[in-house]
């Protein structure tokens, strides 16, 4: 009788679906290596970089750090949403600065 009652309860009130756990990305050694490499280039070449290159490297470093933070820090949905948008804007802006610097350095001469 108890089994039938549980079956009826499951049919009437099905259990709520469990939310999928956030995907674990591991240690991301490659991403850390790219962040460190970009930071080293940025720090070593600081004196010889102009304003466009400084902006390019700072946006790239910001985008990489945000990507790492989103993967490894537990955030609320709202914080994750805003960090995602900031990361996308930083990446796209860095791409535009890269195109600008590339054009100015190699084509416009």
PDB file of N, CA and C in Angstrom:
ATOM      1  N   UNK A   1       0.816  -1.188   0.000  1.00  0.00           N
ATOM      2  CA  UNK A   1       0.000   0.000   0.000  1.00  0.00           C
ATOM      3  C   UNK A   1       0.869   1.266   0.000  1.00  0.00           C
ATOM      4  N   UNK A   2       1.937   1.219   0.780  1.00  0.00           N
ATOM      5  CA  UNK A   2       2.815   2.386   0.853  1.00  0.00           C
ATOM      6  C   UNK A   2       3.491   2.650  -0.491  1.00  0.00           C
ATOM      7  N   UNK A   3       3.835   1.569  -1.197  1.00  0.00           N
ATOM      8  CA  UNK A   3       4.467   1.732  -2.515  1.00  0.00           C
ATOM      9  C   UNK A   3       3.501   2.389  -3.485  1.00  0.00           C
ATOM     10  N   UNK A   4       2.258   1.978  -3.464  1.00  0.00           N
ATOM     11  CA  UNK A   4       1.263   2.562  -4.357  1.00  0.00           C
ATOM     12  C   UNK A   4       1.033   4.034  -4.012  1.00  0.00           C
ATOM     13  N   UNK A   5       1.032   4.347  -2.731  1.00  0.00           N
ATOM     14  CA  UNK A   5       0.855   5.731  -2.305  1.00  0.00           C
ATOM     15  C   UNK A   5       2.011   6.602  -2.814  1.00  0.00           C
ATOM     16  N   UNK A   6       3.257   6.090  -2.711  1.00  0.00           N
ATOM     17  CA  UNK A   6       4.414   6.846  -3.205  1.00  0.00           C
ATOM     18  C   UNK A   6       4.342   7.031  -4.716  1.00  0.00           C
ATOM     19  N   UNK A   7       3.895   6.007  -5.424  1.00  0.00           N
ATOM     20  CA  UNK A   7       3.762   6.115  -6.873  1.00  0.00           C
ATOM     21  C   UNK A   7       2.721   7.171  -7.237  1.00  0.00           C
ATOM     22  N   UNK A   8       1.608   7.180  -6.517  1.00  0.00           N
ATOM     23  CA  UNK A   8       0.579   8.200  -6.758  1.00  0.00           C
ATOM     24  C   UNK A   8       1.106   9.600  -6.450  1.00  0.00           C
ATOM     25  N   UNK A   9       1.846   9.728  -5.369  1.00  0.00           N
ATOM     26  CA  UNK A   9       2.419  11.031  -5.004  1.00  0.00           C
ATOM     27  C   UNK A   9       3.382  11.527  -6.088  1.00  0.00           C
ATOM     28  N   UNK A  10       4.179  10.614  -6.646  1.00  0.00           N
ATOM     29  CA  UNK A  10       5.113  11.003  -7.711  1.00  0.00           C
ATOM     30  C   UNK A  10       4.367  11.435  -8.962  1.00  0.00           C
ATOM     31  N   UNK A  11       3.233  10.786  -9.250  1.00  0.00           N
ATOM     32  CA  UNK A  11       2.456  11.175 -10.423  1.00  0.00           C
ATOM     33  C   UNK A  11       1.763  12.514 -10.203  1.00  0.00           C
ATOM     34  N   UNK A  12       1.239  12.730  -9.022  1.00  0.00           N
ATOM     35  CA  UNK A  12       0.519  13.974  -8.728  1.00  0.00           C
ATOM     36  C   UNK A  12       1.488  15.138  -8.561  1.00  0.00           C
ATOM     37  N   UNK A  13       2.516  14.918  -7.773  1.00  0.00           N
ATOM     38  CA  UNK A  13       3.514  15.953  -7.498  1.00  0.00           C
ATOM     39  C   UNK A  13       4.893  15.449  -7.917  1.00  0.00           C
ATOM     40  N   UNK A  14       5.234  15.579  -9.203  1.00  0.00           N
ATOM     41  CA  UNK A  14       6.540  15.072  -9.631  1.00  0.00           C
ATOM     42  C   UNK A  14       7.657  15.882  -8.972  1.00  0.00           C
ATOM     43  N   UNK A  15       8.781  15.234  -8.677  1.00  0.00           N
ATOM     44  CA  UNK A  15       9.894  15.967  -8.049  1.00  0.00           C
ATOM     45  C   UNK A  15      10.423  17.048  -8.986  1.00  0.00           C
ATOM     46  N   UNK A  16      10.804  18.153  -8.391  1.00  0.00           N
ATOM     47  CA  UNK A  16      11.323  19.266  -9.184  1.00  0.00           C
ATOM     48  C   UNK A  16      12.650  18.861  -9.821  1.00  0.00           C
ATOM     49  N   UNK A  17      12.860  19.261 -11.066  1.00  0.00           N
ATOM     50  CA  UNK A  17      14.130  18.903 -11.706  1.00  0.00           C
ATOM     51  C   UNK A  17      15.295  19.612 -11.013  1.00  0.00           C
ATOM     52  N   UNK A  18      16.350  18.863 -10.827  1.00  0.00           N
ATOM     53  CA  UNK A  18      17.527  19.424 -10.166  1.00  0.00           C
ATOM     54  C   UNK A  18      18.270  20.320 -11.152  1.00  0.00           C
ATOM     55  N   UNK A  19      18.687  21.516 -10.709  1.00  0.00           N
ATOM     56  CA  UNK A  19      19.453  22.372 -11.624  1.00  0.00           C
ATOM     57  C   UNK A  19      20.811  21.734 -11.918  1.00  0.00           C
ATOM     58  N   UNK A  20      21.259  21.915 -13.147  1.00  0.00           N
ATOM     59  CA  UNK A  20      22.544  21.343 -13.533  1.00  0.00           C
ATOM     60  C   UNK A  20      23.660  22.050 -12.777  1.00  0.00           C
ATOM     61  N   UNK A  21      24.580  21.295 -12.222  1.00  0.00           N
ATOM     62  CA  UNK A  21      25.709  21.951 -11.566  1.00  0.00           C
ATOM     63  C   UNK A  21      26.596  22.619 -12.608  1.00  0.00           C
ATOM     64  N   UNK A  22      27.222  23.690 -12.200  1.00  0.00           N
ATOM     65  CA  UNK A  22      28.087  24.426 -13.106  1.00  0.00           C
ATOM     66  C   UNK A  22      29.253  23.546 -13.522  1.00  0.00           C
ATOM     67  N   UNK A  23      29.588  23.615 -14.783  1.00  0.00           N
ATOM     68  CA  UNK A  23      30.626  22.753 -15.316  1.00  0.00           C
ATOM     69  C   UNK A  23      31.978  23.089 -14.697  1.00  0.00           C
ATOM     70  N   UNK A  24      32.687  22.088 -14.285  1.00  0.00           N
ATOM     71  CA  UNK A  24      34.008  22.290 -13.710  1.00  0.00           C
ATOM     72  C   UNK A  24      35.032  22.313 -14.837  1.00  0.00           C
ATOM     73  N   UNK A  25      35.892  23.292 -14.843  1.00  0.00           N
ATOM     74  CA  UNK A  25      36.842  23.459 -15.927  1.00  0.00           C
ATOM     75  C   UNK A  25      38.240  22.984 -15.585  1.00  0.00           C
ATOM     76  N   UNK A  26      38.468  22.492 -14.405  1.00  0.00           N
ATOM     77  CA  UNK A  26      39.803  22.034 -14.056  1.00  0.00           C
ATOM     78  C   UNK A  26      40.683  23.178 -13.607  1.00  0.00           C
ATOM     79  N   UNK A  27      41.946  23.013 -13.814  1.00  0.00           N
ATOM     80  CA  UNK A  27      42.908  23.984 -13.304  1.00  0.00           C
ATOM     81  C   UNK A  27      43.194  25.123 -14.277  1.00  0.00           C
ATOM     82  N   UNK A  28      42.958  24.943 -15.556  1.00  0.00           N
ATOM     83  CA  UNK A  28      43.192  25.977 -16.568  1.00  0.00           C
ATOM     84  C   UNK A  28      44.639  26.472 -16.552  1.00  0.00           C
ATOM     85  N   UNK A  29      45.577  25.558 -16.625  1.00  0.00           N
ATOM     86  CA  UNK A  29      46.982  25.943 -16.625  1.00  0.00           C
ATOM     87  C   UNK A  29      47.339  26.773 -17.853  1.00  0.00           C
ATOM     88  N   UNK A  30      46.746  26.432 -18.993  1.00  0.00           N
ATOM     89  CA  UNK A  30      47.053  27.186 -20.205  1.00  0.00           C
ATOM     90  C   UNK A  30      46.573  28.629 -20.089  1.00  0.00           C
ATOM     91  N   UNK A  31      45.372  28.818 -19.552  1.00  0.00           N
ATOM     92  CA  UNK A  31      44.848  30.166 -19.367  1.00  0.00           C
ATOM     93  C   UNK A  31      45.718  30.957 -18.395  1.00  0.00           C
ATOM     94  N   UNK A  32      46.153  30.319 -17.321  1.00  0.00           N
ATOM     95  CA  UNK A  32      47.052  30.984 -16.377  1.00  0.00           C
ATOM     96  C   UNK A  32      48.375  31.345 -17.036  1.00  0.00           C
ATOM     97  N   UNK A  33      48.892  30.451 -17.877  1.00  0.00           N
ATOM     98  CA  UNK A  33      50.148  30.734 -18.578  1.00  0.00           C
ATOM     99  C   UNK A  33      49.991  31.925 -19.526  1.00  0.00           C
ATOM    100  N   UNK A  34      48.869  32.009 -20.214  1.00  0.00           N
ATOM    101  CA  UNK A  34      48.629  33.138 -21.126  1.00  0.00           C
ATOM    102  C   UNK A  34      48.493  34.439 -20.339  1.00  0.00           C
ATOM    103  N   UNK A  35      47.830  34.390 -19.184  1.00  0.00           N
ATOM    104  CA  UNK A  35      47.689  35.585 -18.345  1.00  0.00           C
ATOM    105  C   UNK A  35      49.059  36.057 -17.864  1.00  0.00           C
ATOM    106  N   UNK A  36      49.875  35.122 -17.387  1.00  0.00           N
ATOM    107  CA  UNK A  36      51.214  35.479 -16.895  1.00  0.00           C
ATOM    108  C   UNK A  36      52.078  36.000 -18.038  1.00  0.00           C
ATOM    109  N   UNK A  37      52.033  35.346 -19.197  1.00  0.00           N
ATOM    110  CA  UNK A  37      52.822  35.782 -20.347  1.00  0.00           C
ATOM    111  C   UNK A  37      52.420  37.187 -20.799  1.00  0.00           C
ATOM    112  N   UNK A  38      51.125  37.439 -20.869  1.00  0.00           N
ATOM    113  CA  UNK A  38      50.644  38.768 -21.266  1.00  0.00           C
ATOM    114  C   UNK A  38      51.053  39.823 -20.238  1.00  0.00           C
ATOM    115  N   UNK A  39      50.943  39.474 -18.959  1.00  0.00           N
ATOM    116  CA  UNK A  39      51.359  40.409 -17.910  1.00  0.00           C
ATOM    117  C   UNK A  39      52.848  40.704 -17.955  1.00  0.00           C
ATOM    118  N   UNK A  40      53.665  39.681 -18.231  1.00  0.00           N
ATOM    119  CA  UNK A  40      55.111  39.897 -18.336  1.00  0.00           C
ATOM    120  C   UNK A  40      55.467  40.790 -19.520  1.00  0.00           C
ATOM    121  N   UNK A  41      54.859  40.539 -20.662  1.00  0.00           N
ATOM    122  CA  UNK A  41      55.110  41.393 -21.827  1.00  0.00           C
ATOM    123  C   UNK A  41      54.692  42.827 -21.522  1.00  0.00           C
ATOM    124  N   UNK A  42      53.553  42.964 -20.890  1.00  0.00           N
ATOM    125  CA  UNK A  42      53.031  44.285 -20.543  1.00  0.00           C
ATOM    126  C   UNK A  42      53.973  45.009 -19.580  1.00  0.00           C
ATOM    127  N   UNK A  43      54.486  44.291 -18.578  1.00  0.00           N
ATOM    128  CA  UNK A  43      55.363  44.917 -17.579  1.00  0.00           C
ATOM    129  C   UNK A  43      56.739  45.236 -18.147  1.00  0.00           C
ATOM    130  N   UNK A  44      57.299  44.316 -18.935  1.00  0.00           N
ATOM    131  CA  UNK A  44      58.652  44.514 -19.460  1.00  0.00           C
ATOM    132  C   UNK A  44      58.667  45.612 -20.527  1.00  0.00           C
ATOM    133  N   UNK A  45      57.674  45.642 -21.382  1.00  0.00           N
ATOM    134  CA  UNK A  45      57.665  46.589 -22.499  1.00  0.00           C
ATOM    135  C   UNK A  45      56.922  47.881 -22.182  1.00  0.00           C
ATOM    136  N   UNK A  46      56.601  48.109 -20.924  1.00  0.00           N
ATOM    137  CA  UNK A  46      55.810  49.277 -20.545  1.00  0.00           C
ATOM    138  C   UNK A  46      56.414  50.582 -21.055  1.00  0.00           C
ATOM    139  N   UNK A  47      57.710  50.729 -20.951  1.00  0.00           N
ATOM    140  CA  UNK A  47      58.373  51.990 -21.318  1.00  0.00           C
ATOM    141  C   UNK A  47      58.317  52.252 -22.823  1.00  0.00           C
ATOM    142  N   UNK A  48      58.303  51.201 -23.622  1.00  0.00           N
ATOM    143  CA  UNK A  48      58.337  51.396 -25.072  1.00  0.00           C
ATOM    144  C   UNK A  48      56.957  51.353 -25.725  1.00  0.00           C
ATOM    145  N   UNK A  49      55.913  51.146 -24.957  1.00  0.00           N
ATOM    146  CA  UNK A  49      54.569  51.080 -25.522  1.00  0.00           C
ATOM    147  C   UNK A  49      53.937  52.469 -25.565  1.00  0.00           C
ATOM    148  N   UNK A  50      53.177  52.702 -26.632  1.00  0.00           N
ATOM    149  CA  UNK A  50      52.432  53.958 -26.702  1.00  0.00           C
ATOM    150  C   UNK A  50      51.046  53.745 -26.087  1.00  0.00           C
ATOM    151  N   UNK A  51      50.220  54.758 -26.133  1.00  0.00           N
ATOM    152  CA  UNK A  51      48.915  54.711 -25.460  1.00  0.00           C
ATOM    153  C   UNK A  51      48.008  53.626 -26.034  1.00  0.00           C
ATOM    154  N   UNK A  52      48.023  53.452 -27.359  1.00  0.00           N
ATOM    155  CA  UNK A  52      47.158  52.438 -27.970  1.00  0.00           C
ATOM    156  C   UNK A  52      47.589  51.027 -27.556  1.00  0.00           C
ATOM    157  N   UNK A  53      48.892  50.780 -27.518  1.00  0.00           N
ATOM    158  CA  UNK A  53      49.374  49.463 -27.106  1.00  0.00           C
ATOM    159  C   UNK A  53      49.114  49.198 -25.630  1.00  0.00           C
ATOM    160  N   UNK A  54      49.262  50.208 -24.796  1.00  0.00           N
ATOM    161  CA  UNK A  54      48.970  50.049 -23.366  1.00  0.00           C
ATOM    162  C   UNK A  54      47.499  49.714 -23.173  1.00  0.00           C
ATOM    163  N   UNK A  55      46.630  50.397 -23.894  1.00  0.00           N
ATOM    164  CA  UNK A  55      45.194  50.117 -23.816  1.00  0.00           C
ATOM    165  C   UNK A  55      44.896  48.704 -24.309  1.00  0.00           C
ATOM    166  N   UNK A  56      45.536  48.303 -25.406  1.00  0.00           N
ATOM    167  CA  UNK A  56      45.346  46.974 -25.957  1.00  0.00           C
ATOM    168  C   UNK A  56      45.728  45.899 -24.943  1.00  0.00           C
ATOM    169  N   UNK A  57      46.903  45.997 -24.363  1.00  0.00           N
ATOM    170  CA  UNK A  57      47.361  44.984 -23.415  1.00  0.00           C
ATOM    171  C   UNK A  57      46.540  44.990 -22.122  1.00  0.00           C
ATOM    172  N   UNK A  58      46.146  46.169 -21.663  1.00  0.00           N
ATOM    173  CA  UNK A  58      45.347  46.202 -20.435  1.00  0.00           C
ATOM    174  C   UNK A  58      43.960  45.600 -20.669  1.00  0.00           C
ATOM    175  N   UNK A  59      43.353  45.847 -21.822  1.00  0.00           N
ATOM    176  CA  UNK A  59      42.054  45.243 -22.133  1.00  0.00           C
ATOM    177  C   UNK A  59      42.172  43.730 -22.309  1.00  0.00           C
ATOM    178  N   UNK A  60      43.242  43.291 -22.937  1.00  0.00           N
ATOM    179  CA  UNK A  60      43.453  41.860 -23.110  1.00  0.00           C
ATOM    180  C   UNK A  60      43.659  41.169 -21.769  1.00  0.00           C
ATOM    181  N   UNK A  61      44.458  41.773 -20.911  1.00  0.00           N
ATOM    182  CA  UNK A  61      44.699  41.199 -19.589  1.00  0.00           C
ATOM    183  C   UNK A  61      43.414  41.186 -18.754  1.00  0.00           C
ATOM    184  N   UNK A  62      42.632  42.250 -18.861  1.00  0.00           N
ATOM    185  CA  UNK A  62      41.344  42.308 -18.163  1.00  0.00           C
ATOM    186  C   UNK A  62      40.409  41.201 -18.637  1.00  0.00           C
ATOM    187  N   UNK A  63      40.330  41.013 -19.938  1.00  0.00           N
ATOM    188  CA  UNK A  63      39.461  39.982 -20.495  1.00  0.00           C
ATOM    189  C   UNK A  63      39.891  38.589 -20.053  1.00  0.00           C
ATOM    190  N   UNK A  64      41.178  38.315 -20.055  1.00  0.00           N
ATOM    191  CA  UNK A  64      41.669  37.003 -19.626  1.00  0.00           C
ATOM    192  C   UNK A  64      41.411  36.767 -18.144  1.00  0.00           C
ATOM    193  N   UNK A  65      41.621  37.779 -17.329  1.00  0.00           N
ATOM    194  CA  UNK A  65      41.378  37.634 -15.889  1.00  0.00           C
ATOM    195  C   UNK A  65      39.898  37.431 -15.589  1.00  0.00           C
ATOM    196  N   UNK A  66      39.029  38.112 -16.316  1.00  0.00           N
ATOM    197  CA  UNK A  66      37.590  37.928 -16.127  1.00  0.00           C
ATOM    198  C   UNK A  66      37.175  36.513 -16.530  1.00  0.00           C
ATOM    199  N   UNK A  67      37.753  36.004 -17.612  1.00  0.00           N
ATOM    200  CA  UNK A  67      37.459  34.631 -18.024  1.00  0.00           C
ATOM    201  C   UNK A  67      37.868  33.646 -16.944  1.00  0.00           C
ATOM    202  N   UNK A  68      39.051  33.841 -16.373  1.00  0.00           N
ATOM    203  CA  UNK A  68      39.511  32.947 -15.308  1.00  0.00           C
ATOM    204  C   UNK A  68      38.622  33.069 -14.073  1.00  0.00           C
ATOM    205  N   UNK A  69      38.259  34.292 -13.728  1.00  0.00           N
ATOM    206  CA  UNK A  69      37.420  34.515 -12.547  1.00  0.00           C
ATOM    207  C   UNK A  69      36.044  33.882 -12.719  1.00  0.00           C
ATOM    208  N   UNK A  70      35.454  34.004 -13.890  1.00  0.00           N
ATOM    209  CA  UNK A  70      34.132  33.414 -14.118  1.00  0.00           C
ATOM    210  C   UNK A  70      34.172  31.904 -14.021  1.00  0.00           C
ATOM    211  N   UNK A  71      35.288  31.297 -14.360  1.00  0.00           N
ATOM    212  CA  UNK A  71      35.379  29.844 -14.309  1.00  0.00           C
ATOM    213  C   UNK A  71      35.624  29.310 -12.907  1.00  0.00           C
ATOM    214  N   UNK A  72      36.278  30.090 -12.051  1.00  0.00           N
ATOM    215  CA  UNK A  72      36.734  29.535 -10.788  1.00  0.00           C
ATOM    216  C   UNK A  72      36.146  30.174  -9.539  1.00  0.00           C
ATOM    217  N   UNK A  73      35.430  31.265  -9.661  1.00  0.00           N
ATOM    218  CA  UNK A  73      34.845  31.916  -8.492  1.00  0.00           C
ATOM    219  C   UNK A  73      33.343  31.679  -8.530  1.00  0.00           C
ATOM    220  N   UNK A  74      32.798  31.282  -7.400  1.00  0.00           N
ATOM    221  CA  UNK A  74      31.351  31.081  -7.318  1.00  0.00           C
ATOM    222  C   UNK A  74      30.685  32.454  -7.261  1.00  0.00           C
ATOM    223  N   UNK A  75      29.883  32.744  -8.268  1.00  0.00           N
ATOM    224  CA  UNK A  75      29.211  34.036  -8.389  1.00  0.00           C
ATOM    225  C   UNK A  75      27.706  33.823  -8.447  1.00  0.00           C
ATOM    226  N   UNK A  76      26.983  34.880  -8.109  1.00  0.00           N
ATOM    227  CA  UNK A  76      25.539  34.823  -8.298  1.00  0.00           C
ATOM    228  C   UNK A  76      25.254  34.950  -9.791  1.00  0.00           C
ATOM    229  N   UNK A  77      24.020  34.660 -10.157  1.00  0.00           N
ATOM    230  CA  UNK A  77      23.655  34.746 -11.566  1.00  0.00           C
ATOM    231  C   UNK A  77      23.837  36.159 -12.113  1.00  0.00           C
ATOM    232  N   UNK A  78      23.471  37.141 -11.309  1.00  0.00           N
ATOM    233  CA  UNK A  78      23.565  38.534 -11.731  1.00  0.00           C
ATOM    234  C   UNK A  78      25.029  38.945 -11.913  1.00  0.00           C
ATOM    235  N   UNK A  79      25.891  38.564 -10.958  1.00  0.00           N
ATOM    236  CA  UNK A  79      27.307  38.894 -11.068  1.00  0.00           C
ATOM    237  C   UNK A  79      27.931  38.206 -12.275  1.00  0.00           C
ATOM    238  N   UNK A  80      27.564  36.946 -12.499  1.00  0.00           N
ATOM    239  CA  UNK A  80      28.092  36.217 -13.644  1.00  0.00           C
ATOM    240  C   UNK A  80      27.653  36.870 -14.952  1.00  0.00           C
ATOM    241  N   UNK A  81      26.405  37.322 -14.998  1.00  0.00           N
ATOM    242  CA  UNK A  81      25.891  37.996 -16.189  1.00  0.00           C
ATOM    243  C   UNK A  81      26.687  39.267 -16.485  1.00  0.00           C
ATOM    244  N   UNK A  82      26.914  40.086 -15.454  1.00  0.00           N
ATOM    245  CA  UNK A  82      27.646  41.334 -15.664  1.00  0.00           C
ATOM    246  C   UNK A  82      29.107  41.081 -16.022  1.00  0.00           C
ATOM    247  N   UNK A  83      29.732  40.100 -15.379  1.00  0.00           N
ATOM    248  CA  UNK A  83      31.118  39.785 -15.723  1.00  0.00           C
ATOM    249  C   UNK A  83      31.229  39.252 -17.147  1.00  0.00           C
ATOM    250  N   UNK A  84      30.231  38.487 -17.565  1.00  0.00           N
ATOM    251  CA  UNK A  84      30.232  37.988 -18.940  1.00  0.00           C
ATOM    252  C   UNK A  84      30.173  39.145 -19.934  1.00  0.00           C
ATOM    253  N   UNK A  85      29.292  40.104 -19.677  1.00  0.00           N
ATOM    254  CA  UNK A  85      29.163  41.249 -20.580  1.00  0.00           C
ATOM    255  C   UNK A  85      30.423  42.114 -20.575  1.00  0.00           C
ATOM    256  N   UNK A  86      31.006  42.333 -19.399  1.00  0.00           N
ATOM    257  CA  UNK A  86      32.238  43.120 -19.320  1.00  0.00           C
ATOM    258  C   UNK A  86      33.362  42.414 -20.073  1.00  0.00           C
ATOM    259  N   UNK A  87      33.455  41.097 -19.937  1.00  0.00           N
ATOM    260  CA  UNK A  87      34.476  40.335 -20.645  1.00  0.00           C
ATOM    261  C   UNK A  87      34.314  40.408 -22.149  1.00  0.00           C
ATOM    262  N   UNK A  88      33.075  40.322 -22.625  1.00  0.00           N
ATOM    263  CA  UNK A  88      32.816  40.412 -24.065  1.00  0.00           C
ATOM    264  C   UNK A  88      33.191  41.791 -24.584  1.00  0.00           C
ATOM    265  N   UNK A  89      32.804  42.840 -23.861  1.00  0.00           N
ATOM    266  CA  UNK A  89      33.132  44.206 -24.282  1.00  0.00           C
ATOM    267  C   UNK A  89      34.648  44.413 -24.281  1.00  0.00           C
ATOM    268  N   UNK A  90      35.340  43.910 -23.256  1.00  0.00           N
ATOM    269  CA  UNK A  90      36.795  44.056 -23.193  1.00  0.00           C
ATOM    270  C   UNK A  90      37.469  43.320 -24.348  1.00  0.00           C
ATOM    271  N   UNK A  91      36.993  42.133 -24.673  1.00  0.00           N
ATOM    272  CA  UNK A  91      37.579  41.363 -25.769  1.00  0.00           C
ATOM    273  C   UNK A  91      37.371  42.053 -27.109  1.00  0.00           C
ATOM    274  N   UNK A  92      36.158  42.521 -27.359  1.00  0.00           N
ATOM    275  CA  UNK A  92      35.868  43.178 -28.635  1.00  0.00           C
ATOM    276  C   UNK A  92      36.647  44.486 -28.755  1.00  0.00           C
ATOM    277  N   UNK A  93      36.727  45.244 -27.672  1.00  0.00           N
ATOM    278  CA  UNK A  93      37.480  46.494 -27.701  1.00  0.00           C
ATOM    279  C   UNK A  93      38.968  46.223 -27.910  1.00  0.00           C
ATOM    280  N   UNK A  94      39.494  45.168 -27.277  1.00  0.00           N
ATOM    281  CA  UNK A  94      40.901  44.792 -27.481  1.00  0.00           C
ATOM    282  C   UNK A  94      41.136  44.393 -28.936  1.00  0.00           C
ATOM    283  N   UNK A  95      40.179  43.706 -29.547  1.00  0.00           N
ATOM    284  CA  UNK A  95      40.305  43.331 -30.951  1.00  0.00           C
ATOM    285  C   UNK A  95      40.356  44.570 -31.843  1.00  0.00           C
ATOM    286  N   UNK A  96      39.496  45.552 -31.570  1.00  0.00           N
ATOM    287  CA  UNK A  96      39.525  46.788 -32.357  1.00  0.00           C
ATOM    288  C   UNK A  96      40.846  47.543 -32.172  1.00  0.00           C
ATOM    289  N   UNK A  97      41.350  47.578 -30.947  1.00  0.00           N
ATOM    290  CA  UNK A  97      42.639  48.227 -30.720  1.00  0.00           C
ATOM    291  C   UNK A  97      43.765  47.470 -31.422  1.00  0.00           C
ATOM    292  N   UNK A  98      43.684  46.132 -31.453  1.00  0.00           N
ATOM    293  CA  UNK A  98      44.689  45.351 -32.164  1.00  0.00           C
ATOM    294  C   UNK A  98      44.680  45.685 -33.648  1.00  0.00           C
ATOM    295  N   UNK A  99      43.496  45.765 -34.243  1.00  0.00           N
ATOM    296  CA  UNK A  99      43.385  46.115 -35.663  1.00  0.00           C
ATOM    297  C   UNK A  99      43.935  47.515 -35.899  1.00  0.00           C
ATOM    298  N   UNK A 100      43.615  48.452 -35.001  1.00  0.00           N
ATOM    299  CA  UNK A 100      44.106  49.818 -35.126  1.00  0.00           C
ATOM    300  C   UNK A 100      45.628  49.876 -35.041  1.00  0.00           C
ATOM    301  N   UNK A 101      46.215  49.197 -34.063  1.00  0.00           N
ATOM    302  CA  UNK A 101      47.668  49.197 -33.887  1.00  0.00           C
ATOM    303  C   UNK A 101      48.337  48.504 -35.066  1.00  0.00           C
ATOM    304  N   UNK A 102      47.775  47.390 -35.516  1.00  0.00           N
ATOM    305  CA  UNK A 102      48.331  46.674 -36.663  1.00  0.00           C
ATOM    306  C   UNK A 102      48.307  47.559 -37.896  1.00  0.00           C
ATOM    307  N   UNK A 103      47.191  48.235 -38.146  1.00  0.00           N
ATOM    308  CA  UNK A 103      47.091  49.124 -39.312  1.00  0.00           C
ATOM    309  C   UNK A 103      48.105  50.255 -39.212  1.00  0.00           C
ATOM    310  N   UNK A 104      48.163  50.873 -38.049  1.00  0.00           N
ATOM    311  CA  UNK A 104      49.064  52.023 -37.881  1.00  0.00           C
ATOM    312  C   UNK A 104      50.531  51.619 -37.996  1.00  0.00           C
ATOM    313  N   UNK A 105      50.875  50.432 -37.507  1.00  0.00           N
ATOM    314  CA  UNK A 105      52.269  50.032 -37.465  1.00  0.00           C
ATOM    315  C   UNK A 105      52.759  49.437 -38.776  1.00  0.00           C
ATOM    316  N   UNK A 106      51.926  48.698 -39.490  1.00  0.00           N
ATOM    317  CA  UNK A 106      52.396  47.995 -40.677  1.00  0.00           C
ATOM    318  C   UNK A 106      51.832  48.516 -42.001  1.00  0.00           C
ATOM    319  N   UNK A 107      50.662  49.069 -42.020  1.00  0.00           N
ATOM    320  CA  UNK A 107      50.032  49.471 -43.274  1.00  0.00           C
ATOM    321  C   UNK A 107      50.158  50.963 -43.516  1.00  0.00           C
ATOM    322  N   UNK A 108      49.979  51.767 -42.500  1.00  0.00           N
ATOM    323  CA  UNK A 108      49.944  53.225 -42.673  1.00  0.00           C
ATOM    324  C   UNK A 108      51.318  53.847 -42.882  1.00  0.00           C
ATOM    325  N   UNK A 109      52.369  53.087 -42.701  1.00  0.00           N
ATOM    326  CA  UNK A 109      53.707  53.666 -42.864  1.00  0.00           C
ATOM    327  C   UNK A 109      53.986  54.003 -44.250  1.00  0.00           C
TER     328      UNK A 109
END
